[in-house]
Amino acid sequence: MNKKSAQTAVEYLLLLAVVVIVVVIGFETYLPRAKVGTELFYNRIGVGVLGNANPCGDGTCSPFEEGKCCVDCMCSGVIHN
C-alpha cells in the first residue's frame, strides 16, 4: 500500500465516523418525536379501524371526554397535561 492510498483510506474512515456520529445524534433527537407522533396517529386512526377505543390520554380534550378524562381535560379545577 502506498502513501496516497493509505491517506485515502484514513479519509474515508474519518468520513464514515462523522456520518455515524450524525446518525446517532439524529436518532437520539428525532426518534422520541417520531414515537410520540406515531402513537398519536395510531390512537386516532385505531378508532376507525378497531372500533371505539379509550381516547383518554391522546393529548386533546374532546367534548365527550370532559369530566371523564382528567389527563386531557380540566377536572376539579385542575388542568392536567
PDB file of N, CA and C in Angstrom:
ATOM      1  N   MET A   1       0.839  -1.167   0.000  1.00  0.00           N
ATOM      2  CA  MET A   1       0.000   0.000   0.000  1.00  0.00           C
ATOM      3  C   MET A   1       0.894   1.242   0.000  1.00  0.00           C
ATOM      4  N   ASN A   2       0.626   2.115  -0.905  1.00  0.00           N
ATOM      5  CA  ASN A   2       1.454   3.323  -0.955  1.00  0.00           C
ATOM      6  C   ASN A   2       0.857   4.415  -0.074  1.00  0.00           C
ATOM      7  N   LYS A   3       1.574   5.509   0.023  1.00  0.00           N
ATOM      8  CA  LYS A   3       1.200   6.593   0.931  1.00  0.00           C
ATOM      9  C   LYS A   3      -0.149   7.222   0.563  1.00  0.00           C
ATOM     10  N   LYS A   4      -0.402   7.369  -0.736  1.00  0.00           N
ATOM     11  CA  LYS A   4      -1.638   8.023  -1.173  1.00  0.00           C
ATOM     12  C   LYS A   4      -2.866   7.166  -0.855  1.00  0.00           C
ATOM     13  N   SER A   5      -2.790   5.879  -1.071  1.00  0.00           N
ATOM     14  CA  SER A   5      -3.955   5.031  -0.789  1.00  0.00           C
ATOM     15  C   SER A   5      -4.188   4.910   0.718  1.00  0.00           C
ATOM     16  N   ALA A   6      -3.130   4.973   1.523  1.00  0.00           N
ATOM     17  CA  ALA A   6      -3.294   4.958   2.974  1.00  0.00           C
ATOM     18  C   ALA A   6      -3.994   6.237   3.437  1.00  0.00           C
ATOM     19  N   GLN A   7      -3.607   7.349   2.845  1.00  0.00           N
ATOM     20  CA  GLN A   7      -4.253   8.615   3.194  1.00  0.00           C
ATOM     21  C   GLN A   7      -5.728   8.583   2.788  1.00  0.00           C
ATOM     22  N   THR A   8      -6.042   8.036   1.638  1.00  0.00           N
ATOM     23  CA  THR A   8      -7.425   7.934   1.179  1.00  0.00           C
ATOM     24  C   THR A   8      -8.238   7.047   2.129  1.00  0.00           C
ATOM     25  N   ALA A   9      -7.650   5.940   2.570  1.00  0.00           N
ATOM     26  CA  ALA A   9      -8.346   5.043   3.488  1.00  0.00           C
ATOM     27  C   ALA A   9      -8.649   5.756   4.811  1.00  0.00           C
ATOM     28  N   VAL A  10      -7.710   6.515   5.321  1.00  0.00           N
ATOM     29  CA  VAL A  10      -7.912   7.258   6.563  1.00  0.00           C
ATOM     30  C   VAL A  10      -8.999   8.314   6.378  1.00  0.00           C
ATOM     31  N   GLU A  11      -8.991   8.979   5.239  1.00  0.00           N
ATOM     32  CA  GLU A  11     -10.019   9.995   4.973  1.00  0.00           C
ATOM     33  C   GLU A  11     -11.407   9.367   4.910  1.00  0.00           C
ATOM     34  N   TYR A  12     -11.526   8.207   4.272  1.00  0.00           N
ATOM     35  CA  TYR A  12     -12.817   7.527   4.213  1.00  0.00           C
ATOM     36  C   TYR A  12     -13.272   7.077   5.601  1.00  0.00           C
ATOM     37  N   LEU A  13     -12.362   6.608   6.418  1.00  0.00           N
ATOM     38  CA  LEU A  13     -12.716   6.209   7.779  1.00  0.00           C
ATOM     39  C   LEU A  13     -13.176   7.405   8.610  1.00  0.00           C
ATOM     40  N   LEU A  14     -12.516   8.541   8.462  1.00  0.00           N
ATOM     41  CA  LEU A  14     -12.947   9.752   9.163  1.00  0.00           C
ATOM     42  C   LEU A  14     -14.327  10.201   8.689  1.00  0.00           C
ATOM     43  N   LEU A  15     -14.555  10.130   7.388  1.00  0.00           N
ATOM     44  CA  LEU A  15     -15.856  10.487   6.838  1.00  0.00           C
ATOM     45  C   LEU A  15     -16.939   9.545   7.363  1.00  0.00           C
ATOM     46  N   LEU A  16     -16.632   8.258   7.413  1.00  0.00           N
ATOM     47  CA  LEU A  16     -17.580   7.282   7.952  1.00  0.00           C
ATOM     48  C   LEU A  16     -17.865   7.552   9.423  1.00  0.00           C
ATOM     49  N   ALA A  17     -16.856   7.911  10.195  1.00  0.00           N
ATOM     50  CA  ALA A  17     -17.052   8.220  11.616  1.00  0.00           C
ATOM     51  C   ALA A  17     -17.965   9.430  11.787  1.00  0.00           C
ATOM     52  N   VAL A  18     -17.782  10.445  10.972  1.00  0.00           N
ATOM     53  CA  VAL A  18     -18.635  11.639  11.055  1.00  0.00           C
ATOM     54  C   VAL A  18     -20.078  11.285  10.715  1.00  0.00           C
ATOM     55  N   VAL A  19     -20.284  10.474   9.682  1.00  0.00           N
ATOM     56  CA  VAL A  19     -21.631  10.071   9.299  1.00  0.00           C
ATOM     57  C   VAL A  19     -22.292   9.274  10.417  1.00  0.00           C
ATOM     58  N   VAL A  20     -21.556   8.364  11.035  1.00  0.00           N
ATOM     59  CA  VAL A  20     -22.104   7.569  12.135  1.00  0.00           C
ATOM     60  C   VAL A  20     -22.483   8.469  13.308  1.00  0.00           C
ATOM     61  N   ILE A  21     -21.657   9.437  13.635  1.00  0.00           N
ATOM     62  CA  ILE A  21     -21.952  10.355  14.736  1.00  0.00           C
ATOM     63  C   ILE A  21     -23.215  11.160  14.435  1.00  0.00           C
ATOM     64  N   VAL A  22     -23.346  11.643  13.221  1.00  0.00           N
ATOM     65  CA  VAL A  22     -24.530  12.413  12.841  1.00  0.00           C
ATOM     66  C   VAL A  22     -25.792  11.544  12.921  1.00  0.00           C
ATOM     67  N   VAL A  23     -25.707  10.308  12.473  1.00  0.00           N
ATOM     68  CA  VAL A  23     -26.859   9.412  12.526  1.00  0.00           C
ATOM     69  C   VAL A  23     -27.250   9.105  13.966  1.00  0.00           C
ATOM     70  N   VAL A  24     -26.271   8.848  14.830  1.00  0.00           N
ATOM     71  CA  VAL A  24     -26.568   8.549  16.231  1.00  0.00           C
ATOM     72  C   VAL A  24     -27.217   9.745  16.917  1.00  0.00           C
ATOM     73  N   ILE A  25     -26.699  10.938  16.671  1.00  0.00           N
ATOM     74  CA  ILE A  25     -27.295  12.143  17.252  1.00  0.00           C
ATOM     75  C   ILE A  25     -28.700  12.347  16.707  1.00  0.00           C
ATOM     76  N   GLY A  26     -28.895  12.085  15.413  1.00  0.00           N
ATOM     77  CA  GLY A  26     -30.228  12.212  14.820  1.00  0.00           C
ATOM     78  C   GLY A  26     -31.226  11.255  15.432  1.00  0.00           C
ATOM     79  N   PHE A  27     -30.823   9.993  15.649  1.00  0.00           N
ATOM     80  CA  PHE A  27     -31.707   9.029  16.285  1.00  0.00           C
ATOM     81  C   PHE A  27     -32.068   9.467  17.691  1.00  0.00           C
ATOM     82  N   GLU A  28     -31.097   9.955  18.419  1.00  0.00           N
ATOM     83  CA  GLU A  28     -31.330  10.374  19.801  1.00  0.00           C
ATOM     84  C   GLU A  28     -32.271  11.564  19.862  1.00  0.00           C
ATOM     85  N   THR A  29     -32.201  12.426  18.859  1.00  0.00           N
ATOM     86  CA  THR A  29     -33.020  13.638  18.855  1.00  0.00           C
ATOM     87  C   THR A  29     -34.413  13.396  18.282  1.00  0.00           C
ATOM     88  N   TYR A  30     -34.499  12.711  17.146  1.00  0.00           N
ATOM     89  CA  TYR A  30     -35.762  12.636  16.428  1.00  0.00           C
ATOM     90  C   TYR A  30     -36.556  11.363  16.677  1.00  0.00           C
ATOM     91  N   LEU A  31     -35.961  10.313  17.198  1.00  0.00           N
ATOM     92  CA  LEU A  31     -36.701   9.085  17.432  1.00  0.00           C
ATOM     93  C   LEU A  31     -37.803   9.259  18.473  1.00  0.00           C
ATOM     94  N   PRO A  32     -37.558   9.948  19.602  1.00  0.00           N
ATOM     95  CA  PRO A  32     -38.672  10.168  20.543  1.00  0.00           C
ATOM     96  C   PRO A  32     -39.809  10.984  19.934  1.00  0.00           C
ATOM     97  N   ARG A  33     -39.471  11.966  19.114  1.00  0.00           N
ATOM     98  CA  ARG A  33     -40.518  12.764  18.467  1.00  0.00           C
ATOM     99  C   ARG A  33     -41.342  11.902  17.520  1.00  0.00           C
ATOM    100  N   ALA A  34     -40.674  11.050  16.775  1.00  0.00           N
ATOM    101  CA  ALA A  34     -41.379  10.175  15.850  1.00  0.00           C
ATOM    102  C   ALA A  34     -42.267   9.195  16.604  1.00  0.00           C
ATOM    103  N   LYS A  35     -41.805   8.717  17.738  1.00  0.00           N
ATOM    104  CA  LYS A  35     -42.591   7.771  18.528  1.00  0.00           C
ATOM    105  C   LYS A  35     -43.874   8.427  19.022  1.00  0.00           C
ATOM    106  N   VAL A  36     -43.774   9.648  19.529  1.00  0.00           N
ATOM    107  CA  VAL A  36     -44.961  10.359  20.014  1.00  0.00           C
ATOM    108  C   VAL A  36     -45.932  10.604  18.865  1.00  0.00           C
ATOM    109  N   GLY A  37     -45.415  11.001  17.732  1.00  0.00           N
ATOM    110  CA  GLY A  37     -46.277  11.257  16.577  1.00  0.00           C
ATOM    111  C   GLY A  37     -46.979  10.012  16.077  1.00  0.00           C
ATOM    112  N   THR A  38     -46.261   8.892  16.027  1.00  0.00           N
ATOM    113  CA  THR A  38     -46.884   7.664  15.555  1.00  0.00           C
ATOM    114  C   THR A  38     -47.896   7.132  16.556  1.00  0.00           C
ATOM    115  N   GLU A  39     -47.634   7.286  17.848  1.00  0.00           N
ATOM    116  CA  GLU A  39     -48.608   6.847  18.846  1.00  0.00           C
ATOM    117  C   GLU A  39     -49.891   7.673  18.761  1.00  0.00           C
ATOM    118  N   LEU A  40     -49.761   8.969  18.569  1.00  0.00           N
ATOM    119  CA  LEU A  40     -50.938   9.824  18.430  1.00  0.00           C
ATOM    120  C   LEU A  40     -51.725   9.450  17.179  1.00  0.00           C
ATOM    121  N   PHE A  41     -51.013   9.216  16.075  1.00  0.00           N
ATOM    122  CA  PHE A  41     -51.660   8.804  14.830  1.00  0.00           C
ATOM    123  C   PHE A  41     -52.389   7.477  15.028  1.00  0.00           C
ATOM    124  N   TYR A  42     -51.734   6.511  15.643  1.00  0.00           N
ATOM    125  CA  TYR A  42     -52.361   5.207  15.872  1.00  0.00           C
ATOM    126  C   TYR A  42     -53.604   5.340  16.748  1.00  0.00           C
ATOM    127  N   ASN A  43     -53.521   6.144  17.797  1.00  0.00           N
ATOM    128  CA  ASN A  43     -54.673   6.306  18.693  1.00  0.00           C
ATOM    129  C   ASN A  43     -55.867   6.903  17.970  1.00  0.00           C
ATOM    130  N   ARG A  44     -55.623   7.813  17.061  1.00  0.00           N
ATOM    131  CA  ARG A  44     -56.737   8.448  16.354  1.00  0.00           C
ATOM    132  C   ARG A  44     -57.277   7.570  15.229  1.00  0.00           C
ATOM    133  N   ILE A  45     -56.393   6.913  14.497  1.00  0.00           N
ATOM    134  CA  ILE A  45     -56.821   6.075  13.386  1.00  0.00           C
ATOM    135  C   ILE A  45     -57.365   4.736  13.888  1.00  0.00           C
ATOM    136  N   GLY A  46     -56.849   4.278  15.022  1.00  0.00           N
ATOM    137  CA  GLY A  46     -57.284   2.997  15.573  1.00  0.00           C
ATOM    138  C   GLY A  46     -58.766   2.946  15.858  1.00  0.00           C
ATOM    139  N   VAL A  47     -59.380   4.074  16.181  1.00  0.00           N
ATOM    140  CA  VAL A  47     -60.817   4.111  16.445  1.00  0.00           C
ATOM    141  C   VAL A  47     -61.596   3.698  15.197  1.00  0.00           C
ATOM    142  N   GLY A  48     -61.174   4.184  14.047  1.00  0.00           N
ATOM    143  CA  GLY A  48     -61.857   3.834  12.806  1.00  0.00           C
ATOM    144  C   GLY A  48     -61.626   2.390  12.394  1.00  0.00           C
ATOM    145  N   VAL A  49     -60.469   1.862  12.704  1.00  0.00           N
ATOM    146  CA  VAL A  49     -60.141   0.503  12.293  1.00  0.00           C
ATOM    147  C   VAL A  49     -60.637  -0.529  13.300  1.00  0.00           C
ATOM    148  N   LEU A  50     -60.414  -0.260  14.586  1.00  0.00           N
ATOM    149  CA  LEU A  50     -60.698  -1.252  15.615  1.00  0.00           C
ATOM    150  C   LEU A  50     -62.006  -1.014  16.357  1.00  0.00           C
ATOM    151  N   GLY A  51     -62.626   0.114  16.160  1.00  0.00           N
ATOM    152  CA  GLY A  51     -63.844   0.434  16.897  1.00  0.00           C
ATOM    153  C   GLY A  51     -63.552   1.502  17.932  1.00  0.00           C
ATOM    154  N   ASN A  52     -64.468   1.691  18.848  1.00  0.00           N
ATOM    155  CA  ASN A  52     -64.311   2.724  19.861  1.00  0.00           C
ATOM    156  C   ASN A  52     -63.213   2.352  20.837  1.00  0.00           C
ATOM    157  N   ALA A  53     -62.228   3.185  20.915  1.00  0.00           N
ATOM    158  CA  ALA A  53     -61.137   2.997  21.862  1.00  0.00           C
ATOM    159  C   ALA A  53     -61.233   4.074  22.929  1.00  0.00           C
ATOM    160  N   ASN A  54     -60.460   3.940  23.962  1.00  0.00           N
ATOM    161  CA  ASN A  54     -60.435   4.945  25.016  1.00  0.00           C
ATOM    162  C   ASN A  54     -59.599   6.129  24.527  1.00  0.00           C
ATOM    163  N   PRO A  55     -60.229   7.276  24.245  1.00  0.00           N
ATOM    164  CA  PRO A  55     -59.472   8.416  23.737  1.00  0.00           C
ATOM    165  C   PRO A  55     -58.722   9.168  24.832  1.00  0.00           C
ATOM    166  N   CYS A  56     -58.898   8.778  26.077  1.00  0.00           N
ATOM    167  CA  CYS A  56     -58.249   9.477  27.178  1.00  0.00           C
ATOM    168  C   CYS A  56     -56.736   9.288  27.096  1.00  0.00           C
ATOM    169  N   GLY A  57     -56.034  10.398  27.142  1.00  0.00           N
ATOM    170  CA  GLY A  57     -54.580  10.353  27.109  1.00  0.00           C
ATOM    171  C   GLY A  57     -53.986  10.668  25.754  1.00  0.00           C
ATOM    172  N   ASP A  58     -54.821  11.103  24.802  1.00  0.00           N
ATOM    173  CA  ASP A  58     -54.286  11.413  23.476  1.00  0.00           C
ATOM    174  C   ASP A  58     -53.817  12.851  23.340  1.00  0.00           C
ATOM    175  N   GLY A  59     -53.925  13.634  24.388  1.00  0.00           N
ATOM    176  CA  GLY A  59     -53.412  14.997  24.370  1.00  0.00           C
ATOM    177  C   GLY A  59     -54.419  16.046  23.930  1.00  0.00           C
ATOM    178  N   THR A  60     -55.618  15.637  23.563  1.00  0.00           N
ATOM    179  CA  THR A  60     -56.650  16.592  23.172  1.00  0.00           C
ATOM    180  C   THR A  60     -57.895  16.364  24.020  1.00  0.00           C
ATOM    181  N   CYS A  61     -58.595  17.446  24.307  1.00  0.00           N
ATOM    182  CA  CYS A  61     -59.810  17.365  25.120  1.00  0.00           C
ATOM    183  C   CYS A  61     -61.014  17.482  24.191  1.00  0.00           C
ATOM    184  N   SER A  62     -61.639  16.355  23.904  1.00  0.00           N
ATOM    185  CA  SER A  62     -62.842  16.332  23.069  1.00  0.00           C
ATOM    186  C   SER A  62     -64.058  16.591  23.949  1.00  0.00           C
ATOM    187  N   PRO A  63     -65.167  17.027  23.357  1.00  0.00           N
ATOM    188  CA  PRO A  63     -66.364  17.291  24.158  1.00  0.00           C
ATOM    189  C   PRO A  63     -66.848  16.071  24.938  1.00  0.00           C
ATOM    190  N   PHE A  64     -66.731  14.873  24.394  1.00  0.00           N
ATOM    191  CA  PHE A  64     -67.198  13.686  25.099  1.00  0.00           C
ATOM    192  C   PHE A  64     -66.218  13.204  26.171  1.00  0.00           C
ATOM    193  N   GLU A  65     -65.029  13.837  26.270  1.00  0.00           N
ATOM    194  CA  GLU A  65     -64.061  13.491  27.310  1.00  0.00           C
ATOM    195  C   GLU A  65     -64.202  14.353  28.564  1.00  0.00           C
ATOM    196  N   GLU A  66     -64.904  15.478  28.464  1.00  0.00           N
ATOM    197  CA  GLU A  66     -64.997  16.403  29.584  1.00  0.00           C
ATOM    198  C   GLU A  66     -65.632  15.725  30.790  1.00  0.00           C
ATOM    199  N   GLY A  67     -64.961  15.840  31.922  1.00  0.00           N
ATOM    200  CA  GLY A  67     -65.440  15.241  33.148  1.00  0.00           C
ATOM    201  C   GLY A  67     -65.078  13.768  33.303  1.00  0.00           C
ATOM    202  N   LYS A  68     -64.616  13.147  32.229  1.00  0.00           N
ATOM    203  CA  LYS A  68     -64.265  11.731  32.275  1.00  0.00           C
ATOM    204  C   LYS A  68     -62.767  11.502  32.161  1.00  0.00           C
ATOM    205  N   CYS A  69     -62.073  12.408  31.492  1.00  0.00           N
ATOM    206  CA  CYS A  69     -60.652  12.214  31.203  1.00  0.00           C
ATOM    207  C   CYS A  69     -59.851  13.373  31.782  1.00  0.00           C
ATOM    208  N   CYS A  70     -59.367  13.196  33.008  1.00  0.00           N
ATOM    209  CA  CYS A  70     -58.624  14.273  33.672  1.00  0.00           C
ATOM    210  C   CYS A  70     -57.221  14.449  33.103  1.00  0.00           C
ATOM    211  N   VAL A  71     -56.750  13.488  32.329  1.00  0.00           N
ATOM    212  CA  VAL A  71     -55.424  13.623  31.724  1.00  0.00           C
ATOM    213  C   VAL A  71     -55.461  14.684  30.633  1.00  0.00           C
ATOM    214  N   ASP A  72     -56.537  14.708  29.847  1.00  0.00           N
ATOM    215  CA  ASP A  72     -56.647  15.640  28.730  1.00  0.00           C
ATOM    216  C   ASP A  72     -57.443  16.897  29.065  1.00  0.00           C
ATOM    217  N   CYS A  73     -58.429  16.788  29.930  1.00  0.00           N
ATOM    218  CA  CYS A  73     -59.335  17.902  30.207  1.00  0.00           C
ATOM    219  C   CYS A  73     -59.163  18.396  31.644  1.00  0.00           C
ATOM    220  N   MET A  74     -59.873  19.464  31.957  1.00  0.00           N
ATOM    221  CA  MET A  74     -59.809  20.015  33.298  1.00  0.00           C
ATOM    222  C   MET A  74     -60.813  19.286  34.192  1.00  0.00           C
ATOM    223  N   CYS A  75     -60.296  18.700  35.272  1.00  0.00           N
ATOM    224  CA  CYS A  75     -61.146  18.027  36.242  1.00  0.00           C
ATOM    225  C   CYS A  75     -60.919  18.668  37.610  1.00  0.00           C
ATOM    226  N   SER A  76     -61.960  18.967  38.320  1.00  0.00           N
ATOM    227  CA  SER A  76     -61.894  19.550  39.662  1.00  0.00           C
ATOM    228  C   SER A  76     -61.080  20.836  39.688  1.00  0.00           C
ATOM    229  N   GLY A  77     -61.133  21.603  38.614  1.00  0.00           N
ATOM    230  CA  GLY A  77     -60.451  22.883  38.583  1.00  0.00           C
ATOM    231  C   GLY A  77     -58.955  22.804  38.331  1.00  0.00           C
ATOM    232  N   VAL A  78     -58.427  21.644  38.024  1.00  0.00           N
ATOM    233  CA  VAL A  78     -57.002  21.469  37.778  1.00  0.00           C
ATOM    234  C   VAL A  78     -56.817  21.031  36.328  1.00  0.00           C
ATOM    235  N   ILE A  79     -55.910  21.679  35.618  1.00  0.00           N
ATOM    236  CA  ILE A  79     -55.623  21.322  34.245  1.00  0.00           C
ATOM    237  C   ILE A  79     -54.448  20.356  34.250  1.00  0.00           C
ATOM    238  N   HIS A  80     -54.608  19.215  33.611  1.00  0.00           N
ATOM    239  CA  HIS A  80     -53.547  18.216  33.505  1.00  0.00           C
ATOM    240  C   HIS A  80     -53.054  18.169  32.078  1.00  0.00           C
ATOM    241  N   ASN A  81     -51.745  18.016  31.904  1.00  0.00           N
ATOM    242  CA  ASN A  81     -51.182  17.902  30.543  1.00  0.00           C
ATOM    243  C   ASN A  81     -50.881  16.481  30.227  1.00  0.00           C
TER     244      ASN A  81
END
